[in-house]
Amino acid sequence: MDPKTAAVLAAGFCMGIGSIGPAIAIGNLVGRALDGMARQPEASGQIQTAMFIGVAFAEAISLYALVVAFLLIFVV
């Protein structure tokens, strides 16, 4: 197999596997935040702020996978 083909294939796997975890985490996080807001509507502002911070951290993981995929595609 050609090294460039292997690098592109590895980049695809990197993005596929690297985005499954954050997708599950964001879905779980938003679901739990909505449950918390439904139980305590008066605390929805604090819950929403914490939710957005958690979503940003989870999304950063998929951005790291994107950077690694770009490195595999364009550097190799």
N, C-alpha and C. Protein backbone atom coordinates (compact mmCIF):
# COMPACT_ATOMS: atom_id res chain seq x y z
N MET A 1 0.85 -1.18 0.00
CA MET A 1 0.00 0.00 0.00
C MET A 1 0.89 1.24 0.00
N ASP A 2 0.49 2.19 -0.78
CA ASP A 2 1.21 3.45 -0.89
C ASP A 2 1.13 4.22 0.43
N PRO A 3 2.22 4.87 0.89
CA PRO A 3 2.18 5.61 2.16
C PRO A 3 1.13 6.73 2.18
N LYS A 4 0.92 7.38 1.05
CA LYS A 4 -0.09 8.45 1.01
C LYS A 4 -1.50 7.88 1.18
N THR A 5 -1.75 6.72 0.56
CA THR A 5 -3.05 6.07 0.72
C THR A 5 -3.27 5.64 2.16
N ALA A 6 -2.23 5.11 2.77
CA ALA A 6 -2.32 4.70 4.17
C ALA A 6 -2.57 5.90 5.08
N ALA A 7 -1.94 7.03 4.77
CA ALA A 7 -2.13 8.23 5.58
C ALA A 7 -3.55 8.76 5.46
N VAL A 8 -4.11 8.74 4.26
CA VAL A 8 -5.49 9.20 4.07
C VAL A 8 -6.47 8.26 4.77
N LEU A 9 -6.21 6.95 4.68
CA LEU A 9 -7.06 5.98 5.37
C LEU A 9 -6.98 6.16 6.89
N ALA A 10 -5.77 6.39 7.39
CA ALA A 10 -5.60 6.62 8.83
C ALA A 10 -6.28 7.92 9.26
N ALA A 11 -6.26 8.94 8.41
CA ALA A 11 -6.93 10.19 8.73
C ALA A 11 -8.44 9.99 8.81
N GLY A 12 -8.97 9.17 7.93
CA GLY A 12 -10.41 8.86 8.00
C GLY A 12 -10.78 8.13 9.28
N PHE A 13 -9.98 7.15 9.65
CA PHE A 13 -10.23 6.45 10.92
C PHE A 13 -10.06 7.39 12.11
N CYS A 14 -9.09 8.27 12.03
CA CYS A 14 -8.84 9.23 13.11
C CYS A 14 -10.07 10.11 13.34
N MET A 15 -10.64 10.62 12.25
CA MET A 15 -11.82 11.48 12.40
C MET A 15 -13.05 10.67 12.80
N GLY A 16 -13.17 9.47 12.30
CA GLY A 16 -14.33 8.65 12.65
C GLY A 16 -14.34 8.26 14.11
N ILE A 17 -13.24 7.75 14.57
CA ILE A 17 -13.15 7.32 15.97
C ILE A 17 -13.02 8.53 16.90
N GLY A 18 -12.32 9.56 16.43
CA GLY A 18 -12.12 10.75 17.27
C GLY A 18 -13.35 11.60 17.44
N SER A 19 -14.39 11.36 16.68
CA SER A 19 -15.62 12.14 16.84
C SER A 19 -16.75 11.36 17.49
N ILE A 20 -16.58 10.06 17.67
CA ILE A 20 -17.63 9.27 18.32
C ILE A 20 -17.73 9.63 19.80
N GLY A 21 -16.60 9.69 20.48
CA GLY A 21 -16.60 10.01 21.92
C GLY A 21 -17.19 11.37 22.24
N PRO A 22 -16.73 12.44 21.57
CA PRO A 22 -17.33 13.74 21.83
C PRO A 22 -18.81 13.82 21.48
N ALA A 23 -19.24 13.10 20.45
CA ALA A 23 -20.66 13.12 20.10
C ALA A 23 -21.50 12.48 21.20
N ILE A 24 -21.04 11.38 21.72
CA ILE A 24 -21.75 10.73 22.82
C ILE A 24 -21.73 11.62 24.07
N ALA A 25 -20.57 12.22 24.34
CA ALA A 25 -20.45 13.08 25.52
C ALA A 25 -21.35 14.31 25.43
N ILE A 26 -21.41 14.93 24.26
CA ILE A 26 -22.25 16.12 24.11
C ILE A 26 -23.72 15.76 24.22
N GLY A 27 -24.12 14.65 23.63
CA GLY A 27 -25.51 14.21 23.75
C GLY A 27 -25.89 13.92 25.19
N ASN A 28 -25.01 13.25 25.91
CA ASN A 28 -25.26 12.95 27.31
C ASN A 28 -25.30 14.22 28.15
N LEU A 29 -24.39 15.13 27.87
CA LEU A 29 -24.29 16.38 28.63
C LEU A 29 -25.54 17.25 28.44
N VAL A 30 -25.97 17.38 27.20
CA VAL A 30 -27.14 18.22 26.94
C VAL A 30 -28.41 17.57 27.51
N GLY A 31 -28.51 16.27 27.39
CA GLY A 31 -29.66 15.58 27.97
C GLY A 31 -29.75 15.74 29.47
N ARG A 32 -28.62 15.60 30.13
CA ARG A 32 -28.62 15.77 31.59
C ARG A 32 -28.89 17.22 31.99
N ALA A 33 -28.39 18.16 31.19
CA ALA A 33 -28.64 19.58 31.48
C ALA A 33 -30.12 19.90 31.33
N LEU A 34 -30.75 19.35 30.31
CA LEU A 34 -32.18 19.58 30.13
C LEU A 34 -33.00 18.95 31.25
N ASP A 35 -32.56 17.78 31.72
CA ASP A 35 -33.22 17.17 32.88
C ASP A 35 -33.09 18.06 34.11
N GLY A 36 -31.90 18.60 34.31
CA GLY A 36 -31.69 19.49 35.46
C GLY A 36 -32.50 20.77 35.35
N MET A 37 -32.61 21.32 34.14
CA MET A 37 -33.40 22.53 33.96
C MET A 37 -34.89 22.26 34.15
N ALA A 38 -35.33 21.06 33.79
CA ALA A 38 -36.73 20.72 33.99
C ALA A 38 -37.05 20.55 35.47
N ARG A 39 -36.10 20.04 36.23
CA ARG A 39 -36.33 19.84 37.66
C ARG A 39 -36.22 21.14 38.45
N GLN A 40 -35.27 21.99 38.07
CA GLN A 40 -35.06 23.25 38.78
C GLN A 40 -34.97 24.40 37.77
N PRO A 41 -36.09 24.93 37.36
CA PRO A 41 -36.07 26.00 36.36
C PRO A 41 -35.36 27.27 36.85
N GLU A 42 -35.33 27.48 38.14
CA GLU A 42 -34.67 28.69 38.67
C GLU A 42 -33.15 28.62 38.55
N ALA A 43 -32.60 27.44 38.38
CA ALA A 43 -31.15 27.28 38.24
C ALA A 43 -30.73 27.06 36.80
N SER A 44 -31.62 27.37 35.86
CA SER A 44 -31.32 27.06 34.47
C SER A 44 -30.16 27.88 33.92
N GLY A 45 -29.96 29.09 34.41
CA GLY A 45 -28.84 29.92 33.94
C GLY A 45 -27.50 29.31 34.30
N GLN A 46 -27.37 28.85 35.53
CA GLN A 46 -26.11 28.23 35.96
C GLN A 46 -25.89 26.90 35.25
N ILE A 47 -26.95 26.14 35.08
CA ILE A 47 -26.83 24.85 34.40
C ILE A 47 -26.43 25.05 32.94
N GLN A 48 -27.03 26.05 32.31
CA GLN A 48 -26.74 26.31 30.91
C GLN A 48 -25.29 26.77 30.72
N THR A 49 -24.80 27.59 31.63
CA THR A 49 -23.41 28.04 31.55
C THR A 49 -22.45 26.85 31.69
N ALA A 50 -22.71 26.00 32.67
CA ALA A 50 -21.86 24.82 32.85
C ALA A 50 -21.96 23.88 31.66
N MET A 51 -23.15 23.79 31.07
CA MET A 51 -23.33 22.94 29.90
C MET A 51 -22.49 23.44 28.73
N PHE A 52 -22.50 24.75 28.47
CA PHE A 52 -21.73 25.29 27.36
C PHE A 52 -20.23 25.10 27.56
N ILE A 53 -19.77 25.22 28.79
CA ILE A 53 -18.34 24.98 29.06
C ILE A 53 -18.00 23.52 28.82
N GLY A 54 -18.86 22.62 29.26
CA GLY A 54 -18.63 21.19 29.02
C GLY A 54 -18.67 20.83 27.54
N VAL A 55 -19.59 21.43 26.79
CA VAL A 55 -19.66 21.18 25.36
C VAL A 55 -18.39 21.67 24.67
N ALA A 56 -17.88 22.81 25.10
CA ALA A 56 -16.64 23.34 24.49
C ALA A 56 -15.47 22.40 24.75
N PHE A 57 -15.36 21.86 25.96
CA PHE A 57 -14.27 20.93 26.25
C PHE A 57 -14.42 19.63 25.47
N ALA A 58 -15.63 19.13 25.34
CA ALA A 58 -15.84 17.90 24.58
C ALA A 58 -15.58 18.13 23.10
N GLU A 59 -15.95 19.28 22.59
CA GLU A 59 -15.73 19.58 21.18
C GLU A 59 -14.24 19.77 20.88
N ALA A 60 -13.47 20.19 21.86
CA ALA A 60 -12.03 20.35 21.66
C ALA A 60 -11.36 19.02 21.33
N ILE A 61 -11.88 17.94 21.86
CA ILE A 61 -11.30 16.62 21.58
C ILE A 61 -11.44 16.28 20.10
N SER A 62 -12.61 16.58 19.52
CA SER A 62 -12.78 16.29 18.10
C SER A 62 -11.94 17.24 17.25
N LEU A 63 -11.71 18.45 17.72
CA LEU A 63 -10.83 19.36 16.99
C LEU A 63 -9.39 18.86 17.00
N TYR A 64 -8.96 18.25 18.10
CA TYR A 64 -7.62 17.65 18.13
C TYR A 64 -7.53 16.51 17.11
N ALA A 65 -8.58 15.72 16.99
CA ALA A 65 -8.60 14.65 16.00
C ALA A 65 -8.54 15.23 14.58
N LEU A 66 -9.20 16.35 14.37
CA LEU A 66 -9.16 17.01 13.06
C LEU A 66 -7.74 17.49 12.73
N VAL A 67 -7.06 18.04 13.71
CA VAL A 67 -5.69 18.50 13.50
C VAL A 67 -4.78 17.32 13.16
N VAL A 68 -4.94 16.21 13.87
CA VAL A 68 -4.13 15.03 13.59
C VAL A 68 -4.44 14.50 12.19
N ALA A 69 -5.71 14.51 11.80
CA ALA A 69 -6.08 14.05 10.46
C ALA A 69 -5.46 14.94 9.39
N PHE A 70 -5.49 16.26 9.59
CA PHE A 70 -4.86 17.16 8.63
C PHE A 70 -3.35 16.93 8.56
N LEU A 71 -2.73 16.68 9.70
CA LEU A 71 -1.29 16.39 9.70
C LEU A 71 -1.00 15.11 8.92
N LEU A 72 -1.85 14.11 9.09
CA LEU A 72 -1.65 12.86 8.36
C LEU A 72 -1.81 13.07 6.86
N ILE A 73 -2.78 13.87 6.47
CA ILE A 73 -3.04 14.06 5.04
C ILE A 73 -1.98 14.91 4.37
N PHE A 74 -1.63 16.03 4.98
CA PHE A 74 -0.80 17.00 4.30
C PHE A 74 0.70 16.89 4.58
N VAL A 75 1.09 16.27 5.67
CA VAL A 75 2.51 16.19 6.00
C VAL A 75 3.12 14.92 5.46
N VAL A 76 2.39 13.83 5.50
CA VAL A 76 2.93 12.55 5.05
C VAL A 76 2.94 12.49 3.56
